């Protein structure tokens, strides 16, 4: 009896079921782990893209809204400039300038580019006909990118070491007949622009960079001025397309950047700006690690539940076959017992019934 039994394989049907389930789960877990690791970077990029893009778009819109109000104020000035007496006009200009920490200069020129009146009388009588803002304003709406002050540099205390920089807005002035008789121009301090980005970036918890059409950083919330040779995202900015990219910056750190291709709002003419928002990869690393832990816990819970259900399955559906096999082995050895009746499955019931008939036939 023992010799015969020893020839049987050691693997039982129940163990094979457990083994099959465990091997399948191990393979599935391995595939899931590899897939999760490969997808983790894509997942975090998708999350960062949404977060950074929405915040950067909000920052771009916020900046454009402020400048659009200046543009509307300049439009009201353009309608009145030619009708006001010089002294009254200067009072209006000084009032528009406010404290001067944002708007550095506002002026009205005649058709030849001679400054008729300006804030605090600066440049009155000077010829600005060669300045881009005058030429652009003479021909229609104009918005000029960041540039160094030239005529106003000495008057406002600028130097080569600490230059004063502006962005420009200009509109044509028409008379009652609709003819262009002059230009009103506004110089906005670029330092205000950088401060605006800094404050906005702090509230949105990211870094902001204002990019020109040629890919140069004209203002930033961090003071950094990388160039197109340093970063691919700046080369993307030159195309005027939106983009999102994870890359290593000149400081050696990995960041995720999202590019908004237009910084405009309503009637504000385009400066040609793009807005780049940047966020550190570490900001979402903790969330990603938490997600991984949650996945591991979920997998462990699935394993535990599956182990319980597998044990129940083996007990209910597999064990009857083991009992029938043991009974058949004893009957073959001369035992007169009848196999246990099983109704767990169709096959187990048929096998038990067949063994019972064989035992009865042998008895008869």
Protein backbone atom coordinates (compact mmCIF):
# COMPACT_ATOMS: atom_id res chain seq x y z
CA UNK A 1 0.00 0.00 0.00
CA UNK A 2 2.75 2.40 0.95
CA UNK A 3 4.83 1.41 -2.06
CA UNK A 4 1.94 2.09 -4.38
CA UNK A 5 1.16 5.40 -2.72
CA UNK A 6 4.78 6.48 -2.95
CA UNK A 7 4.63 6.30 -6.72
CA UNK A 8 1.98 9.01 -6.83
CA UNK A 9 3.07 12.63 -7.49
CA UNK A 10 3.45 14.70 -4.36
CA UNK A 11 1.47 17.55 -5.89
CA UNK A 12 -2.19 17.41 -4.97
CA UNK A 13 -5.07 18.99 -6.85
CA UNK A 14 -5.63 21.46 -4.03
CA UNK A 15 -1.99 22.48 -3.96
CA UNK A 16 -2.00 22.86 -7.75
CA UNK A 17 -4.91 25.29 -7.48
CA UNK A 18 -3.11 27.30 -4.78
CA UNK A 19 0.08 27.18 -6.85
CA UNK A 20 -1.70 28.30 -10.00
CA UNK A 21 -3.34 31.22 -8.20
CA UNK A 22 -0.09 32.28 -6.52
CA UNK A 23 1.96 32.07 -9.73
CA UNK A 24 -0.71 33.99 -11.65
CA UNK A 25 -0.86 36.65 -8.96
CA UNK A 26 2.93 36.90 -8.81
CA UNK A 27 3.09 37.37 -12.58
CA UNK A 28 0.28 39.91 -12.48
CA UNK A 29 1.93 41.76 -9.59
CA UNK A 30 5.26 41.85 -11.45
CA UNK A 31 3.63 43.18 -14.61
CA UNK A 32 1.70 45.75 -12.58
CA UNK A 33 4.82 46.86 -10.71
CA UNK A 34 6.84 47.29 -13.92
CA UNK A 35 3.94 49.08 -15.59
CA UNK A 36 3.43 51.35 -12.58
CA UNK A 37 7.11 52.23 -12.49
CA UNK A 38 7.13 53.01 -16.18
CA UNK A 39 3.89 54.95 -15.96
CA UNK A 40 4.78 56.83 -12.80
CA UNK A 41 6.74 59.46 -14.72
CA UNK A 42 3.91 59.83 -17.21
CA UNK A 43 1.38 60.06 -14.39
CA UNK A 44 3.30 62.74 -12.54
CA UNK A 45 3.89 64.62 -15.81
CA UNK A 46 0.16 64.59 -16.52
CA UNK A 47 -0.65 65.80 -13.01
CA UNK A 48 2.03 68.48 -13.15
CA UNK A 49 0.97 69.57 -16.62
CA UNK A 50 -2.59 70.19 -15.49
CA UNK A 51 -1.53 71.92 -12.28
CA UNK A 52 1.17 74.11 -13.82
CA UNK A 53 -0.75 74.92 -17.00
CA UNK A 54 -3.85 76.11 -15.14
CA UNK A 55 -1.81 78.24 -12.73
CA UNK A 56 0.37 79.68 -15.49
CA UNK A 57 -2.69 80.55 -17.57
CA UNK A 58 -4.16 82.31 -14.54
CA UNK A 59 -0.94 84.28 -14.05
CA UNK A 60 -0.82 85.26 -17.74
CA UNK A 61 -4.43 86.41 -17.68
CA UNK A 62 -3.90 88.35 -14.45
CA UNK A 63 -0.93 90.24 -15.93
CA UNK A 64 -2.74 90.93 -19.20
CA UNK A 65 -5.81 92.24 -17.35
CA UNK A 66 -3.72 94.85 -15.52
CA UNK A 67 -2.07 95.99 -18.74
CA UNK A 68 -5.40 95.98 -20.55
CA UNK A 69 -6.73 98.53 -18.03
CA UNK A 70 -3.74 100.74 -18.85
CA UNK A 71 -4.54 100.25 -22.52
CA UNK A 72 -8.13 101.38 -21.98
CA UNK A 73 -6.95 104.42 -19.97
CA UNK A 74 -4.60 105.29 -22.80
CA UNK A 75 -7.55 105.05 -25.20
CA UNK A 76 -9.52 107.58 -23.15
CA UNK A 77 -6.46 109.85 -23.14
CA UNK A 78 -6.11 109.53 -26.91
CA UNK A 79 -9.67 110.78 -27.34
CA UNK A 80 -9.06 113.88 -25.18
CA UNK A 81 -5.38 114.77 -25.62
CA UNK A 82 -5.79 117.04 -28.66
CA UNK A 83 -8.68 118.94 -27.02
CA UNK A 84 -7.03 119.83 -23.69
CA UNK A 85 -4.88 122.84 -22.85
CA UNK A 86 -1.25 121.90 -22.07
CA UNK A 87 -1.50 122.65 -18.34
CA UNK A 88 -4.75 120.68 -18.00
CA UNK A 89 -3.29 117.85 -20.06
CA UNK A 90 -0.23 117.68 -17.80
CA UNK A 91 -2.47 117.38 -14.77
CA UNK A 92 -4.34 114.52 -16.42
CA UNK A 93 -1.05 112.79 -17.29
CA UNK A 94 0.33 113.19 -13.77
CA UNK A 95 -2.92 111.79 -12.36
CA UNK A 96 -2.72 108.77 -14.63
CA UNK A 97 0.87 108.16 -13.61
CA UNK A 98 0.02 108.01 -9.92
CA UNK A 99 3.05 107.45 -7.69
CA UNK A 100 5.20 106.45 -10.65
CA UNK A 101 6.28 103.09 -9.30
CA UNK A 102 4.52 101.31 -12.17
CA UNK A 103 3.88 103.86 -14.89
CA UNK A 104 7.13 105.73 -15.38
CA UNK A 105 6.13 108.15 -18.14
CA UNK A 106 3.13 109.17 -20.22
CA UNK A 107 3.42 111.66 -23.05
CA UNK A 108 1.58 113.25 -25.95
CA UNK A 109 3.41 114.03 -29.19
CA UNK A 110 2.39 115.87 -32.32
CA UNK A 111 2.37 114.30 -35.75
CA UNK A 112 6.08 115.01 -36.18
CA UNK A 113 7.15 113.26 -33.00
CA UNK A 114 7.73 116.35 -30.83
CA UNK A 115 6.65 115.84 -27.21
CA UNK A 116 3.90 118.37 -26.55
CA UNK A 117 3.20 117.44 -22.93
CA UNK A 118 4.28 114.68 -20.55
CA UNK A 119 4.29 113.63 -16.91
CA UNK A 120 6.33 116.04 -14.79
CA UNK A 121 7.28 117.84 -18.01
CA UNK A 122 9.91 115.20 -18.87
CA UNK A 123 11.03 115.26 -22.52
CA UNK A 124 8.68 118.12 -23.44
CA UNK A 125 9.99 119.61 -26.68
CA UNK A 126 12.15 116.55 -27.41
CA UNK A 127 12.02 114.71 -30.74
CA UNK A 128 10.93 111.07 -30.32
CA UNK A 129 10.09 110.45 -33.95
CA UNK A 130 12.66 107.63 -34.18
CA UNK A 131 11.39 105.75 -31.19
CA UNK A 132 9.53 102.48 -32.00
CA UNK A 133 6.59 103.35 -29.76
CA UNK A 134 5.96 106.59 -31.67
CA UNK A 135 6.17 104.93 -35.07
CA UNK A 136 4.03 102.04 -33.94
CA UNK A 137 1.45 104.31 -32.32
CA UNK A 138 1.32 106.53 -35.39
CA UNK A 139 0.37 103.54 -37.51
CA UNK A 140 -2.10 102.05 -35.05
CA UNK A 141 -2.15 100.16 -31.76
CA UNK A 142 1.33 99.34 -30.40
CA UNK A 143 2.70 97.23 -27.55
CA UNK A 144 6.47 97.14 -27.16
CA UNK A 145 8.54 94.49 -25.41
CA UNK A 146 11.00 95.21 -22.59
CA UNK A 147 13.80 97.59 -23.61
CA UNK A 148 16.34 99.89 -22.01
CA UNK A 149 15.42 103.52 -21.44
CA UNK A 150 17.30 105.90 -23.73
CA UNK A 151 15.99 109.45 -23.59
CA UNK A 152 14.60 109.03 -20.07
CA UNK A 153 17.61 107.23 -18.61
CA UNK A 154 19.43 110.30 -17.29
CA UNK A 155 16.25 112.07 -16.20
CA UNK A 156 15.20 109.09 -14.08
CA UNK A 157 18.59 108.24 -12.60
CA UNK A 158 19.45 105.20 -14.70
CA UNK A 159 23.00 104.03 -15.34
CA UNK A 160 24.86 101.40 -17.33
CA UNK A 161 25.23 99.29 -14.20
CA UNK A 162 21.56 99.70 -13.22
CA UNK A 163 19.59 100.52 -16.39
CA UNK A 164 15.97 101.52 -16.36
CA UNK A 165 13.82 99.32 -18.58
CA UNK A 166 10.31 99.81 -19.90
CA UNK A 167 7.51 98.20 -21.81
CA UNK A 168 5.55 100.51 -24.10
CA UNK A 169 1.95 101.15 -25.05
CA UNK A 170 0.99 103.69 -27.70
CA UNK A 171 -2.15 104.84 -29.53
CA UNK A 172 -2.80 107.37 -32.31
CA UNK A 173 -4.62 110.60 -31.53
CA UNK A 174 -7.29 111.76 -34.00
CA UNK A 175 -8.91 115.14 -34.50
CA UNK A 176 -12.62 115.72 -35.07
CA UNK A 177 -12.17 114.93 -38.77
CA UNK A 178 -10.65 111.57 -37.96
CA UNK A 179 -7.14 112.54 -39.02
CA UNK A 180 -4.11 111.40 -37.02
CA UNK A 181 -2.63 114.44 -35.31
CA UNK A 182 -0.35 112.81 -32.75
CA UNK A 183 0.44 109.87 -30.50
CA UNK A 184 -0.01 109.15 -26.81
CA UNK A 185 2.55 106.79 -25.31
CA UNK A 186 2.99 105.08 -21.95
CA UNK A 187 6.19 103.62 -20.48
CA UNK A 188 5.64 100.98 -17.77
CA UNK A 189 8.57 100.12 -15.52
CA UNK A 190 9.92 96.62 -16.14
CA UNK A 191 10.80 96.36 -12.43
CA UNK A 192 7.09 96.44 -11.71
CA UNK A 193 6.68 93.61 -14.20
CA UNK A 194 9.23 91.46 -12.34
CA UNK A 195 7.65 92.31 -8.98
CA UNK A 196 4.22 91.40 -10.31
CA UNK A 197 5.53 88.02 -11.46
CA UNK A 198 7.22 87.45 -8.08
CA UNK A 199 4.07 88.18 -6.08
CA UNK A 200 1.87 86.16 -8.42
CA UNK A 201 4.28 83.23 -8.44
CA UNK A 202 4.39 83.20 -4.64
CA UNK A 203 0.61 83.04 -4.40
CA UNK A 204 0.43 80.26 -7.01
CA UNK A 205 3.39 78.32 -5.56
CA UNK A 206 5.45 78.12 -8.74
CA UNK A 207 8.09 80.10 -10.64
CA UNK A 208 7.05 82.35 -13.55
CA UNK A 209 9.05 83.47 -16.57
CA UNK A 210 7.94 85.97 -19.19
CA UNK A 211 9.37 84.96 -22.56
CA UNK A 212 9.78 87.13 -25.66
CA UNK A 213 8.97 85.94 -29.17
CA UNK A 214 12.63 85.04 -29.77
CA UNK A 215 12.79 82.88 -26.64
CA UNK A 216 14.57 85.35 -24.34
CA UNK A 217 13.51 85.67 -20.70
CA UNK A 218 12.48 89.31 -20.29
CA UNK A 219 11.29 89.01 -16.67
CA UNK A 220 11.09 86.29 -14.06
CA UNK A 221 9.95 85.73 -10.51
CA UNK A 222 13.29 84.17 -9.55
CA UNK A 223 15.74 86.52 -11.24
CA UNK A 224 16.99 83.67 -13.47
CA UNK A 225 17.51 84.40 -17.17
CA UNK A 226 18.29 81.10 -18.94
CA UNK A 227 18.55 81.12 -22.73
CA UNK A 228 17.49 78.91 -25.60
CA UNK A 229 20.83 77.08 -25.52
CA UNK A 230 20.08 76.00 -21.94
CA UNK A 231 16.48 74.84 -22.22
CA UNK A 232 14.37 73.11 -24.80
CA UNK A 233 11.19 74.71 -23.42
CA UNK A 234 12.54 78.12 -24.47
CA UNK A 235 13.13 76.81 -27.98
CA UNK A 236 9.52 75.65 -27.99
CA UNK A 237 8.52 79.19 -26.96
CA UNK A 238 10.08 80.52 -30.17
CA UNK A 239 7.54 78.55 -32.19
CA UNK A 240 4.61 80.26 -30.49
CA UNK A 241 3.12 76.91 -29.51
CA UNK A 242 2.01 75.68 -26.11
CA UNK A 243 4.12 72.98 -24.52
CA UNK A 244 4.93 71.05 -21.37
CA UNK A 245 8.30 69.53 -20.59
CA UNK A 246 10.32 68.00 -17.78
CA UNK A 247 14.01 68.89 -18.01
CA UNK A 248 17.13 69.77 -16.05
CA UNK A 249 17.68 73.51 -15.63
CA UNK A 250 21.06 75.29 -15.40
CA UNK A 251 20.99 74.99 -11.59
CA UNK A 252 21.14 71.19 -11.98
CA UNK A 253 17.61 70.61 -10.66
CA UNK A 254 14.81 68.84 -12.52
CA UNK A 255 11.70 70.92 -13.06
CA UNK A 256 8.45 70.62 -14.94
CA UNK A 257 7.60 73.57 -17.17
CA UNK A 258 4.34 74.47 -18.90
CA UNK A 259 4.17 77.12 -21.61
CA UNK A 260 1.24 79.45 -22.32
CA UNK A 261 1.73 80.78 -25.88
CA UNK A 262 -0.15 84.10 -25.58
CA UNK A 263 -0.29 86.71 -22.83
CA UNK A 264 -3.29 88.74 -23.97
CA UNK A 265 -6.66 89.90 -22.72
CA UNK A 266 -9.55 91.40 -24.69
CA UNK A 267 -8.33 94.46 -26.70
CA UNK A 268 -4.76 94.52 -25.38
CA UNK A 269 -2.36 94.36 -28.35
CA UNK A 270 0.18 91.56 -28.28
CA UNK A 271 3.63 92.08 -26.81
CA UNK A 272 4.66 88.77 -28.37
CA UNK A 273 5.01 87.30 -24.90
CA UNK A 274 4.72 83.72 -23.74
CA UNK A 275 4.37 82.76 -20.08
CA UNK A 276 6.36 79.85 -18.65
CA UNK A 277 5.37 78.31 -15.34
CA UNK A 278 7.86 76.05 -13.55
CA UNK A 279 7.36 73.67 -10.65
CA UNK A 280 9.84 71.46 -8.81
CA UNK A 281 9.44 67.75 -9.37
CA UNK A 282 9.70 67.15 -5.63
CA UNK A 283 6.42 68.96 -5.04
CA UNK A 284 4.54 65.90 -6.26
CA UNK A 285 7.04 63.20 -5.27
CA UNK A 286 5.35 62.72 -1.88
CA UNK A 287 1.97 62.33 -3.57
CA UNK A 288 3.43 59.80 -6.00
CA UNK A 289 5.02 57.80 -3.17
CA UNK A 290 1.71 57.86 -1.30
CA UNK A 291 -0.03 56.60 -4.42
CA UNK A 292 2.49 53.76 -4.70
CA UNK A 293 1.94 52.80 -1.07
CA UNK A 294 -1.80 52.81 -1.60
CA UNK A 295 -1.38 50.54 -4.63
CA UNK A 296 0.78 48.12 -2.58
CA UNK A 297 -1.79 48.08 0.23
CA UNK A 298 -4.58 47.50 -2.31
CA UNK A 299 -2.64 44.62 -3.87
CA UNK A 300 -2.00 43.08 -0.45
CA UNK A 301 -5.71 43.33 0.35
CA UNK A 302 -6.56 41.67 -2.96
CA UNK A 303 -4.06 38.89 -2.23
CA UNK A 304 -5.57 38.27 1.20
CA UNK A 305 -9.12 38.22 -0.14
CA UNK A 306 -8.12 35.96 -3.02
CA UNK A 307 -6.32 33.58 -0.64
CA UNK A 308 -9.47 33.25 1.47
CA UNK A 309 -11.67 32.65 -1.55
CA UNK A 310 -9.16 30.18 -3.02
CA UNK A 311 -9.17 28.22 0.25
CA UNK A 312 -12.97 28.17 0.20
CA UNK A 313 -12.94 27.10 -3.44
CA UNK A 314 -10.50 24.24 -2.73
CA UNK A 315 -12.52 23.12 0.29
CA UNK A 316 -15.85 23.15 -1.55
CA UNK A 317 -14.94 22.06 -5.06
CA UNK A 318 -11.49 20.42 -5.00
CA UNK A 319 -11.49 18.53 -1.71
CA UNK A 320 -14.34 16.18 -2.80
CA UNK A 321 -12.10 14.91 -5.63
CA UNK A 322 -9.32 14.25 -3.11
CA UNK A 323 -11.75 12.34 -0.90
CA UNK A 324 -12.99 10.31 -3.87
CA UNK A 325 -9.41 9.58 -4.91
CA UNK A 326 -8.53 8.36 -1.41
CA UNK A 327 -11.69 6.28 -1.29
CA UNK A 328 -11.00 4.78 -4.73
CA UNK A 329 -7.47 3.90 -3.64
CA UNK A 330 -8.76 2.11 -0.53
CA UNK A 331 -11.44 0.27 -2.53
CA UNK A 332 -8.77 -0.87 -4.99
CA UNK A 333 -6.86 -2.22 -1.97
CA UNK A 334 -9.82 -4.36 -0.90
CA UNK A 335 -11.83 -2.08 1.30
CA UNK A 336 -15.55 -2.65 1.12
CA UNK A 337 -16.44 0.98 1.84
CA UNK A 338 -18.57 3.06 -0.45
CA UNK A 339 -17.19 6.41 -1.68
CA UNK A 340 -18.64 9.55 -0.09
CA UNK A 341 -21.51 11.16 -1.97
CA UNK A 342 -20.60 14.53 -3.42
CA UNK A 343 -22.86 17.18 -4.92
CA UNK A 344 -20.28 19.97 -5.16
CA UNK A 345 -19.90 19.63 -8.93
CA UNK A 346 -21.39 17.59 -11.75
CA UNK A 347 -18.09 15.79 -12.33
CA UNK A 348 -17.57 14.90 -8.65
CA UNK A 349 -21.12 13.53 -8.41
CA UNK A 350 -20.64 11.39 -11.56
CA UNK A 351 -17.29 10.07 -10.32
CA UNK A 352 -18.74 9.17 -6.89
CA UNK A 353 -21.72 7.49 -8.49
CA UNK A 354 -19.49 5.46 -10.84
CA UNK A 355 -17.31 4.27 -7.95
CA UNK A 356 -20.40 3.29 -5.99
CA UNK A 357 -21.73 1.19 -8.91
CA UNK A 358 -18.34 -0.48 -9.33
CA UNK A 359 -18.28 -1.35 -5.62
CA UNK A 360 -21.79 -2.80 -5.78
CA UNK A 361 -20.96 -4.82 -8.89
CA UNK A 362 -17.89 -6.27 -7.17
CA UNK A 363 -19.94 -7.21 -4.11
CA UNK A 364 -22.50 -9.01 -6.22
